[in-house]
């Protein structure tokens, strides 16, 4: 019976606590002053500089003039080629050559001027060589002999 009385008492206390609760909360946050900011005044005087400006480079209007050449002759790899060119204004002339797989050297001699464009003459030096086909030796796998323990 005491258990029942305790349950009724707990229920009455809970009902009184709920009834005593206000409908609107009474909490309000504490008032804070509005933030304020004032930048510090500089203690130095900065120099006044002009804004940067860009000027495009000026190149003199002179006609191109050069002489260039290179040669490669590598006996190990079989590379043999080169180029030589002279230019004076709109007039250009030169030669380039290359070793062909058949043993000949192909040579191109050319010139370029303002009116005729690129004019080339192709020549070949030497006779083509076509050696007879030699198949590569066949390699076959032979296992190593087994060691004999005597």
C-alpha atoms as a PDB file:
ATOM      1  CA  UNK A   1       0.000   0.000   0.000  1.00  0.00           C
ATOM      2  CA  UNK A   2       2.797   2.398   0.728  1.00  0.00           C
ATOM      3  CA  UNK A   3       4.022   1.789  -2.750  1.00  0.00           C
ATOM      4  CA  UNK A   4       0.722   2.929  -4.151  1.00  0.00           C
ATOM      5  CA  UNK A   5       0.708   6.058  -2.001  1.00  0.00           C
ATOM      6  CA  UNK A   6       4.195   6.902  -3.167  1.00  0.00           C
ATOM      7  CA  UNK A   7       3.148   6.596  -6.841  1.00  0.00           C
ATOM      8  CA  UNK A   8       0.148   8.870  -6.299  1.00  0.00           C
ATOM      9  CA  UNK A   9       2.328  11.383  -4.433  1.00  0.00           C
ATOM     10  CA  UNK A  10       4.932  11.410  -7.275  1.00  0.00           C
ATOM     11  CA  UNK A  11       2.183  11.911  -9.826  1.00  0.00           C
ATOM     12  CA  UNK A  12       0.701  14.865  -7.891  1.00  0.00           C
ATOM     13  CA  UNK A  13       4.151  16.506  -7.536  1.00  0.00           C
ATOM     14  CA  UNK A  14       4.742  16.142 -11.257  1.00  0.00           C
ATOM     15  CA  UNK A  15       1.344  17.661 -12.103  1.00  0.00           C
ATOM     16  CA  UNK A  16       1.984  20.641  -9.789  1.00  0.00           C
ATOM     17  CA  UNK A  17       5.433  21.217 -11.383  1.00  0.00           C
ATOM     18  CA  UNK A  18       3.929  21.191 -14.892  1.00  0.00           C
ATOM     19  CA  UNK A  19       1.115  23.543 -13.885  1.00  0.00           C
ATOM     20  CA  UNK A  20       3.555  25.968 -12.222  1.00  0.00           C
ATOM     21  CA  UNK A  21       5.668  26.273 -15.365  1.00  0.00           C
ATOM     22  CA  UNK A  22       5.224  29.626 -17.179  1.00  0.00           C
ATOM     23  CA  UNK A  23       4.019  29.584 -20.807  1.00  0.00           C
ATOM     24  CA  UNK A  24       6.744  31.926 -22.116  1.00  0.00           C
ATOM     25  CA  UNK A  25      10.340  31.635 -21.118  1.00  0.00           C
ATOM     26  CA  UNK A  26      11.631  34.405 -18.944  1.00  0.00           C
ATOM     27  CA  UNK A  27      15.262  34.120 -20.071  1.00  0.00           C
ATOM     28  CA  UNK A  28      16.855  37.018 -21.916  1.00  0.00           C
ATOM     29  CA  UNK A  29      20.515  37.141 -22.855  1.00  0.00           C
ATOM     30  CA  UNK A  30      22.668  39.700 -21.092  1.00  0.00           C
ATOM     31  CA  UNK A  31      23.061  42.980 -22.932  1.00  0.00           C
ATOM     32  CA  UNK A  32      26.463  43.587 -24.548  1.00  0.00           C
ATOM     33  CA  UNK A  33      27.691  46.836 -25.964  1.00  0.00           C
ATOM     34  CA  UNK A  34      27.769  47.021 -29.778  1.00  0.00           C
ATOM     35  CA  UNK A  35      31.226  46.258 -31.188  1.00  0.00           C
ATOM     36  CA  UNK A  36      33.156  49.214 -32.487  1.00  0.00           C
ATOM     37  CA  UNK A  37      36.327  49.347 -34.564  1.00  0.00           C
ATOM     38  CA  UNK A  38      38.506  52.206 -35.563  1.00  0.00           C
ATOM     39  CA  UNK A  39      41.650  51.456 -37.558  1.00  0.00           C
ATOM     40  CA  UNK A  40      44.857  52.667 -36.004  1.00  0.00           C
ATOM     41  CA  UNK A  41      46.387  55.698 -37.622  1.00  0.00           C
ATOM     42  CA  UNK A  42      49.765  54.973 -39.244  1.00  0.00           C
ATOM     43  CA  UNK A  43      52.760  56.333 -37.438  1.00  0.00           C
ATOM     44  CA  UNK A  44      54.747  56.819 -40.647  1.00  0.00           C
ATOM     45  CA  UNK A  45      54.160  58.530 -43.920  1.00  0.00           C
ATOM     46  CA  UNK A  46      54.364  56.199 -46.919  1.00  0.00           C
ATOM     47  CA  UNK A  47      56.036  57.578 -50.054  1.00  0.00           C
ATOM     48  CA  UNK A  48      53.774  58.215 -53.005  1.00  0.00           C
ATOM     49  CA  UNK A  49      54.845  56.076 -55.940  1.00  0.00           C
ATOM     50  CA  UNK A  50      53.658  56.399 -59.507  1.00  0.00           C
ATOM     51  CA  UNK A  51      51.572  53.546 -60.845  1.00  0.00           C
ATOM     52  CA  UNK A  52      53.567  51.132 -63.037  1.00  0.00           C
ATOM     53  CA  UNK A  53      53.194  51.400 -66.779  1.00  0.00           C
ATOM     54  CA  UNK A  54      54.048  48.957 -69.560  1.00  0.00           C
ATOM     55  CA  UNK A  55      55.732  49.929 -72.761  1.00  0.00           C
ATOM     56  CA  UNK A  56      56.003  47.321 -75.487  1.00  0.00           C
ATOM     57  CA  UNK A  57      59.587  46.679 -76.576  1.00  0.00           C
ATOM     58  CA  UNK A  58      60.614  48.332 -79.808  1.00  0.00           C
ATOM     59  CA  UNK A  59      62.608  46.193 -82.209  1.00  0.00           C
ATOM     60  CA  UNK A  60      64.544  47.743 -85.054  1.00  0.00           C
ATOM     61  CA  UNK A  61      63.171  46.932 -88.496  1.00  0.00           C
ATOM     62  CA  UNK A  62      66.239  45.349 -90.061  1.00  0.00           C
ATOM     63  CA  UNK A  63      66.209  42.487 -92.570  1.00  0.00           C
ATOM     64  CA  UNK A  64      67.369  39.102 -91.217  1.00  0.00           C
ATOM     65  CA  UNK A  65      70.906  38.060 -91.982  1.00  0.00           C
ATOM     66  CA  UNK A  66      72.621  34.840 -90.867  1.00  0.00           C
ATOM     67  CA  UNK A  67      74.770  31.875 -91.856  1.00  0.00           C
ATOM     68  CA  UNK A  68      74.148  28.532 -90.120  1.00  0.00           C
ATOM     69  CA  UNK A  69      75.292  24.957 -90.615  1.00  0.00           C
ATOM     70  CA  UNK A  70      75.591  21.567 -88.910  1.00  0.00           C
ATOM     71  CA  UNK A  71      76.875  18.119 -89.866  1.00  0.00           C
ATOM     72  CA  UNK A  72      76.434  14.688 -88.277  1.00  0.00           C
ATOM     73  CA  UNK A  73      78.441  11.628 -89.306  1.00  0.00           C
ATOM     74  CA  UNK A  74      78.091   8.739 -86.858  1.00  0.00           C
ATOM     75  CA  UNK A  75      79.634   5.571 -88.316  1.00  0.00           C
ATOM     76  CA  UNK A  76      78.333   3.380 -85.490  1.00  0.00           C
ATOM     77  CA  UNK A  77      74.650   4.148 -86.146  1.00  0.00           C
ATOM     78  CA  UNK A  78      75.026   4.976 -89.844  1.00  0.00           C
ATOM     79  CA  UNK A  79      73.625   8.499 -89.416  1.00  0.00           C
ATOM     80  CA  UNK A  80      75.104  10.923 -91.918  1.00  0.00           C
ATOM     81  CA  UNK A  81      73.235  14.184 -92.522  1.00  0.00           C
ATOM     82  CA  UNK A  82      73.727  17.938 -92.467  1.00  0.00           C
ATOM     83  CA  UNK A  83      72.397  21.347 -93.391  1.00  0.00           C
ATOM     84  CA  UNK A  84      73.903  24.690 -94.424  1.00  0.00           C
ATOM     85  CA  UNK A  85      71.938  27.910 -95.012  1.00  0.00           C
ATOM     86  CA  UNK A  86      72.754  31.565 -95.778  1.00  0.00           C
ATOM     87  CA  UNK A  87      70.183  34.340 -95.541  1.00  0.00           C
ATOM     88  CA  UNK A  88      70.404  37.997 -96.413  1.00  0.00           C
ATOM     89  CA  UNK A  89      67.047  39.766 -96.235  1.00  0.00           C
ATOM     90  CA  UNK A  90      64.509  37.988 -98.432  1.00  0.00           C
ATOM     91  CA  UNK A  91      67.166  35.958-100.279  1.00  0.00           C
ATOM     92  CA  UNK A  92      68.009  32.562 -98.817  1.00  0.00           C
ATOM     93  CA  UNK A  93      70.079  29.711-100.196  1.00  0.00           C
ATOM     94  CA  UNK A  94      71.234  26.440 -98.739  1.00  0.00           C
ATOM     95  CA  UNK A  95      71.861  22.717 -98.984  1.00  0.00           C
ATOM     96  CA  UNK A  96      70.896  19.740 -96.885  1.00  0.00           C
ATOM     97  CA  UNK A  97      71.755  16.078 -97.302  1.00  0.00           C
ATOM     98  CA  UNK A  98      70.940  12.695 -95.781  1.00  0.00           C
ATOM     99  CA  UNK A  99      72.372   9.182 -96.072  1.00  0.00           C
ATOM    100  CA  UNK A 100      69.655   6.874 -97.475  1.00  0.00           C
ATOM    101  CA  UNK A 101      69.229   3.220 -96.389  1.00  0.00           C
ATOM    102  CA  UNK A 102      70.390   2.020 -99.846  1.00  0.00           C
ATOM    103  CA  UNK A 103      73.787   3.705 -99.373  1.00  0.00           C
ATOM    104  CA  UNK A 104      73.199   6.799-101.543  1.00  0.00           C
ATOM    105  CA  UNK A 105      73.318  10.387-100.315  1.00  0.00           C
ATOM    106  CA  UNK A 106      70.296  12.528-101.164  1.00  0.00           C
ATOM    107  CA  UNK A 107      71.263  16.179-101.557  1.00  0.00           C
ATOM    108  CA  UNK A 108      68.830  19.108-101.850  1.00  0.00           C
ATOM    109  CA  UNK A 109      70.129  22.476-103.003  1.00  0.00           C
ATOM    110  CA  UNK A 110      67.608  25.313-102.744  1.00  0.00           C
ATOM    111  CA  UNK A 111      67.104  29.032-102.867  1.00  0.00           C
ATOM    112  CA  UNK A 112      64.287  31.326-101.830  1.00  0.00           C
ATOM    113  CA  UNK A 113      63.722  34.899-102.923  1.00  0.00           C
ATOM    114  CA  UNK A 114      60.801  37.269-102.547  1.00  0.00           C
ATOM    115  CA  UNK A 115      59.325  36.610-105.989  1.00  0.00           C
ATOM    116  CA  UNK A 116      59.913  32.975-106.982  1.00  0.00           C
ATOM    117  CA  UNK A 117      59.374  31.275-103.615  1.00  0.00           C
ATOM    118  CA  UNK A 118      61.132  28.015-102.698  1.00  0.00           C
ATOM    119  CA  UNK A 119      63.079  26.456-105.592  1.00  0.00           C
ATOM    120  CA  UNK A 120      64.856  23.133-104.968  1.00  0.00           C
ATOM    121  CA  UNK A 121      67.065  20.766-106.956  1.00  0.00           C
ATOM    122  CA  UNK A 122      67.358  17.184-105.668  1.00  0.00           C
ATOM    123  CA  UNK A 123      70.373  15.039-106.601  1.00  0.00           C
ATOM    124  CA  UNK A 124      71.672  11.630-105.529  1.00  0.00           C
ATOM    125  CA  UNK A 125      75.285  10.633-105.051  1.00  0.00           C
ATOM    126  CA  UNK A 126      76.460   7.014-105.219  1.00  0.00           C
ATOM    127  CA  UNK A 127      74.879   3.816-106.458  1.00  0.00           C
ATOM    128  CA  UNK A 128      72.100   2.052-104.567  1.00  0.00           C
ATOM    129  CA  UNK A 129      73.251  -1.157-102.916  1.00  0.00           C
ATOM    130  CA  UNK A 130      70.908  -4.001-102.127  1.00  0.00           C
ATOM    131  CA  UNK A 131      72.873  -6.770-100.433  1.00  0.00           C
ATOM    132  CA  UNK A 132      71.496 -10.314-100.633  1.00  0.00           C
ATOM    133  CA  UNK A 133      69.140 -11.257 -97.862  1.00  0.00           C
ATOM    134  CA  UNK A 134      70.918 -13.009 -95.030  1.00  0.00           C
ATOM    135  CA  UNK A 135      68.524 -14.534 -92.522  1.00  0.00           C
ATOM    136  CA  UNK A 136      69.568 -14.192 -88.926  1.00  0.00           C
ATOM    137  CA  UNK A 137      70.971 -17.368 -87.433  1.00  0.00           C
ATOM    138  CA  UNK A 138      68.314 -19.298 -85.571  1.00  0.00           C
ATOM    139  CA  UNK A 139      68.818 -19.743 -81.901  1.00  0.00           C
ATOM    140  CA  UNK A 140      67.435 -22.809 -80.263  1.00  0.00           C
ATOM    141  CA  UNK A 141      67.279 -23.558 -76.596  1.00  0.00           C
ATOM    142  CA  UNK A 142      69.496 -26.379 -75.391  1.00  0.00           C
ATOM    143  CA  UNK A 143      69.217 -27.217 -71.718  1.00  0.00           C
ATOM    144  CA  UNK A 144      72.463 -27.435 -69.791  1.00  0.00           C
ATOM    145  CA  UNK A 145      73.711 -30.948 -69.268  1.00  0.00           C
ATOM    146  CA  UNK A 146      72.895 -32.481 -65.904  1.00  0.00           C
ATOM    147  CA  UNK A 147      75.826 -32.700 -63.567  1.00  0.00           C
ATOM    148  CA  UNK A 148      77.100 -36.183 -62.930  1.00  0.00           C
ATOM    149  CA  UNK A 149      78.182 -37.061 -59.420  1.00  0.00           C
ATOM    150  CA  UNK A 150      80.552 -39.979 -59.476  1.00  0.00           C
END
